[in-house]
């Protein structure tokens, strides 16, 4: 969970300070929502990662609850599964319209 929190902090720093995509999207929201590349970076990617972050936090709550061991385990598995699916859906995979190379050499 700490790694995910650090990644979210780095992502917010990039989103609000360093990314040329989001600077362009924030300056003209209407145009950003019409263009698929900017819409992915300004809305879809951020939304999927926030969903993943919330799901991991919910999984931690399930892990700390005083339910039966089986219920805690099932709650964690469901929450962490949702988090993984959201992260996979929010990654700009190579070959997609908004894809990025996995390694830049």
N, C-alpha and C. Protein backbone atom coordinates (compact mmCIF):
# COMPACT_ATOMS: atom_id res chain seq x y z
N UNK A 1 0.83 -1.18 0.00
CA UNK A 1 0.00 0.00 0.00
C UNK A 1 0.88 1.25 0.00
N UNK A 2 2.01 1.20 0.66
CA UNK A 2 2.92 2.33 0.66
C UNK A 2 3.42 2.62 -0.75
N UNK A 3 3.74 1.58 -1.50
CA UNK A 3 4.20 1.78 -2.88
C UNK A 3 3.11 2.44 -3.72
N UNK A 4 1.87 2.04 -3.53
CA UNK A 4 0.77 2.65 -4.27
C UNK A 4 0.57 4.11 -3.86
N UNK A 5 0.72 4.41 -2.59
CA UNK A 5 0.61 5.80 -2.13
C UNK A 5 1.72 6.67 -2.72
N UNK A 6 2.93 6.14 -2.75
CA UNK A 6 4.04 6.90 -3.35
C UNK A 6 3.82 7.10 -4.85
N UNK A 7 3.33 6.08 -5.51
CA UNK A 7 3.04 6.19 -6.95
C UNK A 7 1.95 7.22 -7.19
N UNK A 8 0.93 7.26 -6.34
CA UNK A 8 -0.14 8.25 -6.47
C UNK A 8 0.40 9.66 -6.25
N UNK A 9 1.29 9.82 -5.29
CA UNK A 9 1.89 11.13 -5.04
C UNK A 9 2.72 11.59 -6.24
N UNK A 10 3.51 10.69 -6.79
CA UNK A 10 4.29 11.02 -7.98
C UNK A 10 3.37 11.33 -9.16
N UNK A 11 2.31 10.56 -9.31
CA UNK A 11 1.35 10.81 -10.39
C UNK A 11 0.66 12.15 -10.27
N UNK A 12 0.30 12.54 -9.05
CA UNK A 12 -0.33 13.85 -8.86
C UNK A 12 0.65 14.98 -9.15
N UNK A 13 1.92 14.78 -8.79
CA UNK A 13 2.94 15.77 -9.11
C UNK A 13 3.08 15.92 -10.62
N UNK A 14 3.12 14.81 -11.33
CA UNK A 14 3.19 14.87 -12.78
C UNK A 14 1.93 15.47 -13.37
N UNK A 15 0.78 15.08 -12.85
CA UNK A 15 -0.50 15.53 -13.40
C UNK A 15 -0.68 17.04 -13.28
N UNK A 16 -0.38 17.58 -12.11
CA UNK A 16 -0.64 19.00 -11.88
C UNK A 16 0.55 19.90 -12.16
N UNK A 17 1.76 19.35 -12.32
CA UNK A 17 2.90 20.22 -12.46
C UNK A 17 3.75 20.03 -13.70
N UNK A 18 3.98 18.81 -14.09
CA UNK A 18 5.01 18.57 -15.09
C UNK A 18 4.51 18.06 -16.43
N UNK A 19 3.31 17.56 -16.52
CA UNK A 19 2.84 16.93 -17.74
C UNK A 19 2.32 17.96 -18.75
N UNK A 20 2.86 17.94 -19.97
CA UNK A 20 2.34 18.85 -20.99
C UNK A 20 0.93 18.46 -21.44
N UNK A 21 0.59 17.16 -21.36
CA UNK A 21 -0.75 16.72 -21.74
C UNK A 21 -1.81 17.35 -20.84
N UNK A 22 -1.60 17.28 -19.54
CA UNK A 22 -2.62 17.80 -18.63
C UNK A 22 -2.64 19.32 -18.60
N UNK A 23 -1.50 19.96 -18.82
CA UNK A 23 -1.52 21.43 -18.91
C UNK A 23 -2.39 21.87 -20.08
N UNK A 24 -2.25 21.19 -21.19
CA UNK A 24 -3.07 21.50 -22.36
C UNK A 24 -4.54 21.18 -22.10
N UNK A 25 -4.80 20.06 -21.43
CA UNK A 25 -6.18 19.66 -21.15
C UNK A 25 -6.85 20.61 -20.17
N UNK A 26 -6.12 21.05 -19.16
CA UNK A 26 -6.70 21.95 -18.16
C UNK A 26 -6.97 23.32 -18.77
N UNK A 27 -6.11 23.75 -19.71
CA UNK A 27 -6.31 25.06 -20.30
C UNK A 27 -7.53 25.09 -21.22
N UNK A 28 -7.89 23.95 -21.82
CA UNK A 28 -9.06 23.90 -22.71
C UNK A 28 -9.76 22.56 -22.50
N UNK A 29 -10.65 22.50 -21.54
CA UNK A 29 -11.30 21.24 -21.15
C UNK A 29 -12.21 20.71 -22.26
N UNK A 30 -12.93 21.58 -22.92
CA UNK A 30 -13.83 21.14 -23.99
C UNK A 30 -13.09 20.43 -25.10
N UNK A 31 -11.97 20.99 -25.52
CA UNK A 31 -11.18 20.38 -26.57
C UNK A 31 -10.57 19.07 -26.08
N UNK A 32 -10.15 19.03 -24.82
CA UNK A 32 -9.54 17.82 -24.27
C UNK A 32 -10.54 16.67 -24.23
N UNK A 33 -11.79 16.95 -23.96
CA UNK A 33 -12.79 15.89 -23.91
C UNK A 33 -13.18 15.39 -25.30
N UNK A 34 -12.97 16.20 -26.31
CA UNK A 34 -13.27 15.77 -27.69
C UNK A 34 -12.13 14.98 -28.31
N UNK A 35 -10.90 15.23 -27.87
CA UNK A 35 -9.75 14.54 -28.44
C UNK A 35 -9.42 13.30 -27.60
N UNK A 36 -9.43 12.10 -28.22
CA UNK A 36 -9.25 10.86 -27.45
C UNK A 36 -7.94 10.78 -26.67
N UNK A 37 -6.85 11.25 -27.23
CA UNK A 37 -5.56 11.17 -26.53
C UNK A 37 -5.54 12.00 -25.26
N UNK A 38 -5.99 13.23 -25.36
CA UNK A 38 -6.04 14.08 -24.17
C UNK A 38 -7.09 13.61 -23.18
N UNK A 39 -8.20 13.10 -23.68
CA UNK A 39 -9.24 12.60 -22.78
C UNK A 39 -8.72 11.42 -21.96
N UNK A 40 -7.94 10.55 -22.60
CA UNK A 40 -7.39 9.41 -21.87
C UNK A 40 -6.53 9.89 -20.71
N UNK A 41 -5.60 10.82 -20.98
CA UNK A 41 -4.67 11.26 -19.94
C UNK A 41 -5.34 12.15 -18.91
N UNK A 42 -6.32 12.96 -19.31
CA UNK A 42 -6.91 13.90 -18.36
C UNK A 42 -8.06 13.31 -17.56
N UNK A 43 -8.72 12.27 -18.06
CA UNK A 43 -9.89 11.73 -17.36
C UNK A 43 -9.74 10.24 -17.08
N UNK A 44 -9.59 9.43 -18.11
CA UNK A 44 -9.65 7.98 -17.97
C UNK A 44 -8.52 7.44 -17.09
N UNK A 45 -7.30 7.82 -17.39
CA UNK A 45 -6.15 7.31 -16.63
C UNK A 45 -6.26 7.70 -15.14
N UNK A 46 -6.59 8.93 -14.89
CA UNK A 46 -6.70 9.41 -13.51
C UNK A 46 -7.84 8.72 -12.78
N UNK A 47 -8.98 8.57 -13.45
CA UNK A 47 -10.14 7.93 -12.81
C UNK A 47 -9.83 6.47 -12.47
N UNK A 48 -9.20 5.74 -13.38
CA UNK A 48 -8.88 4.34 -13.10
C UNK A 48 -7.90 4.20 -11.95
N UNK A 49 -6.94 5.08 -11.87
CA UNK A 49 -5.97 4.98 -10.79
C UNK A 49 -6.57 5.38 -9.44
N UNK A 50 -7.50 6.33 -9.44
CA UNK A 50 -8.19 6.68 -8.19
C UNK A 50 -9.07 5.52 -7.74
N UNK A 51 -9.74 4.86 -8.68
CA UNK A 51 -10.55 3.68 -8.34
C UNK A 51 -9.65 2.60 -7.73
N UNK A 52 -8.48 2.39 -8.32
CA UNK A 52 -7.55 1.39 -7.79
C UNK A 52 -7.09 1.76 -6.39
N UNK A 53 -6.78 3.03 -6.16
CA UNK A 53 -6.34 3.49 -4.85
C UNK A 53 -7.43 3.29 -3.80
N UNK A 54 -8.66 3.62 -4.14
CA UNK A 54 -9.79 3.44 -3.21
C UNK A 54 -10.02 1.95 -2.94
N UNK A 55 -9.90 1.12 -3.97
CA UNK A 55 -10.10 -0.32 -3.77
C UNK A 55 -9.04 -0.92 -2.86
N UNK A 56 -7.80 -0.48 -3.01
CA UNK A 56 -6.74 -0.98 -2.12
C UNK A 56 -6.99 -0.54 -0.68
N UNK A 57 -7.41 0.69 -0.50
CA UNK A 57 -7.74 1.17 0.85
C UNK A 57 -8.90 0.38 1.45
N UNK A 58 -9.90 0.08 0.64
CA UNK A 58 -11.03 -0.72 1.13
C UNK A 58 -10.56 -2.13 1.49
N UNK A 59 -9.65 -2.69 0.69
CA UNK A 59 -9.09 -4.00 1.01
C UNK A 59 -8.35 -4.00 2.33
N UNK A 60 -7.68 -2.90 2.64
CA UNK A 60 -7.00 -2.80 3.94
C UNK A 60 -8.01 -2.75 5.07
N UNK A 61 -9.12 -2.06 4.87
CA UNK A 61 -10.17 -2.02 5.89
C UNK A 61 -10.72 -3.42 6.13
N UNK A 62 -10.93 -4.18 5.04
CA UNK A 62 -11.40 -5.55 5.20
C UNK A 62 -10.38 -6.39 5.96
N UNK A 63 -9.10 -6.14 5.73
CA UNK A 63 -8.06 -6.92 6.40
C UNK A 63 -8.00 -6.62 7.89
N UNK A 64 -8.40 -5.43 8.29
CA UNK A 64 -8.30 -5.05 9.70
C UNK A 64 -9.60 -5.29 10.47
N UNK A 65 -10.68 -5.59 9.78
CA UNK A 65 -11.96 -5.80 10.46
C UNK A 65 -11.92 -7.04 11.34
N UNK A 66 -12.85 -7.10 12.28
CA UNK A 66 -12.87 -8.25 13.20
C UNK A 66 -13.96 -9.24 12.78
N UNK A 67 -14.00 -9.54 11.49
CA UNK A 67 -14.90 -10.56 10.97
C UNK A 67 -14.18 -11.91 11.04
N UNK A 68 -14.77 -12.91 10.47
CA UNK A 68 -14.10 -14.21 10.40
C UNK A 68 -12.94 -14.12 9.42
N UNK A 69 -12.01 -15.00 9.57
CA UNK A 69 -10.83 -14.99 8.72
C UNK A 69 -11.19 -15.19 7.25
N UNK A 70 -12.15 -16.05 6.99
CA UNK A 70 -12.55 -16.31 5.61
C UNK A 70 -13.20 -15.08 4.98
N UNK A 71 -14.04 -14.38 5.71
CA UNK A 71 -14.69 -13.17 5.19
C UNK A 71 -13.66 -12.07 4.93
N UNK A 72 -12.70 -11.93 5.81
CA UNK A 72 -11.64 -10.93 5.60
C UNK A 72 -10.85 -11.24 4.36
N UNK A 73 -10.50 -12.50 4.20
CA UNK A 73 -9.71 -12.91 3.03
C UNK A 73 -10.48 -12.67 1.74
N UNK A 74 -11.74 -13.06 1.72
CA UNK A 74 -12.55 -12.86 0.51
C UNK A 74 -12.73 -11.38 0.19
N UNK A 75 -12.94 -10.56 1.20
CA UNK A 75 -13.07 -9.12 0.99
C UNK A 75 -11.80 -8.51 0.42
N UNK A 76 -10.67 -8.95 0.95
CA UNK A 76 -9.37 -8.47 0.42
C UNK A 76 -9.17 -8.90 -1.01
N UNK A 77 -9.46 -10.15 -1.32
CA UNK A 77 -9.27 -10.65 -2.68
C UNK A 77 -10.13 -9.87 -3.67
N UNK A 78 -11.37 -9.61 -3.30
CA UNK A 78 -12.27 -8.87 -4.20
C UNK A 78 -11.75 -7.45 -4.40
N UNK A 79 -11.40 -6.78 -3.32
CA UNK A 79 -10.91 -5.39 -3.44
C UNK A 79 -9.61 -5.31 -4.21
N UNK A 80 -8.68 -6.20 -3.93
CA UNK A 80 -7.41 -6.16 -4.64
C UNK A 80 -7.58 -6.57 -6.10
N UNK A 81 -8.52 -7.46 -6.38
CA UNK A 81 -8.83 -7.81 -7.78
C UNK A 81 -9.38 -6.62 -8.55
N UNK A 82 -10.28 -5.88 -7.91
CA UNK A 82 -10.82 -4.67 -8.54
C UNK A 82 -9.69 -3.67 -8.78
N UNK A 83 -8.79 -3.53 -7.83
CA UNK A 83 -7.67 -2.60 -7.97
C UNK A 83 -6.77 -3.00 -9.14
N UNK A 84 -6.46 -4.27 -9.26
CA UNK A 84 -5.61 -4.73 -10.36
C UNK A 84 -6.30 -4.51 -11.69
N UNK A 85 -7.58 -4.83 -11.78
CA UNK A 85 -8.31 -4.61 -13.04
C UNK A 85 -8.35 -3.13 -13.41
N UNK A 86 -8.56 -2.26 -12.43
CA UNK A 86 -8.58 -0.82 -12.72
C UNK A 86 -7.21 -0.34 -13.18
N UNK A 87 -6.15 -0.84 -12.55
CA UNK A 87 -4.80 -0.43 -12.97
C UNK A 87 -4.49 -0.91 -14.38
N UNK A 88 -4.87 -2.14 -14.70
CA UNK A 88 -4.62 -2.67 -16.04
C UNK A 88 -5.42 -1.88 -17.08
N UNK A 89 -6.65 -1.50 -16.74
CA UNK A 89 -7.48 -0.73 -17.67
C UNK A 89 -6.96 0.69 -17.86
N UNK A 90 -6.26 1.23 -16.88
CA UNK A 90 -5.79 2.60 -16.97
C UNK A 90 -4.39 2.77 -17.50
N UNK A 91 -3.71 1.68 -17.83
CA UNK A 91 -2.35 1.76 -18.36
C UNK A 91 -2.40 2.00 -19.86
N UNK A 92 -1.59 2.91 -20.37
CA UNK A 92 -1.54 3.15 -21.82
C UNK A 92 -0.68 2.08 -22.52
N UNK A 93 -1.26 0.93 -22.76
CA UNK A 93 -0.53 -0.20 -23.32
C UNK A 93 -0.06 0.09 -24.74
N UNK A 94 1.13 -0.42 -25.13
CA UNK A 94 1.58 -0.26 -26.52
C UNK A 94 0.60 -0.93 -27.48
N UNK A 95 0.40 -0.32 -28.61
CA UNK A 95 -0.52 -0.87 -29.60
C UNK A 95 -1.91 -0.27 -29.53
N UNK A 96 -2.26 0.35 -28.43
CA UNK A 96 -3.55 1.02 -28.33
C UNK A 96 -3.44 2.43 -28.89
N UNK A 97 -4.56 3.08 -29.07
CA UNK A 97 -4.56 4.43 -29.66
C UNK A 97 -3.74 5.40 -28.82
N UNK A 98 -3.77 5.28 -27.51
CA UNK A 98 -3.03 6.18 -26.63
C UNK A 98 -1.81 5.51 -26.01
N UNK A 99 -1.35 4.45 -26.64
CA UNK A 99 -0.29 3.64 -26.07
C UNK A 99 1.06 4.32 -26.01
N UNK A 100 1.86 3.87 -25.09
CA UNK A 100 3.22 4.32 -24.91
C UNK A 100 4.12 3.09 -24.89
N UNK A 101 5.35 3.22 -25.33
CA UNK A 101 6.26 2.06 -25.25
C UNK A 101 6.54 1.69 -23.80
N UNK A 102 6.70 0.41 -23.54
CA UNK A 102 6.99 -0.04 -22.19
C UNK A 102 8.39 0.35 -21.76
N UNK A 103 9.33 0.31 -22.69
CA UNK A 103 10.71 0.68 -22.40
C UNK A 103 11.16 1.69 -23.45
N UNK A 104 11.76 2.78 -23.01
CA UNK A 104 12.24 3.81 -23.93
C UNK A 104 13.76 3.81 -23.91
N UNK A 105 14.32 3.25 -24.97
CA UNK A 105 15.78 3.21 -25.08
C UNK A 105 16.21 3.95 -26.32
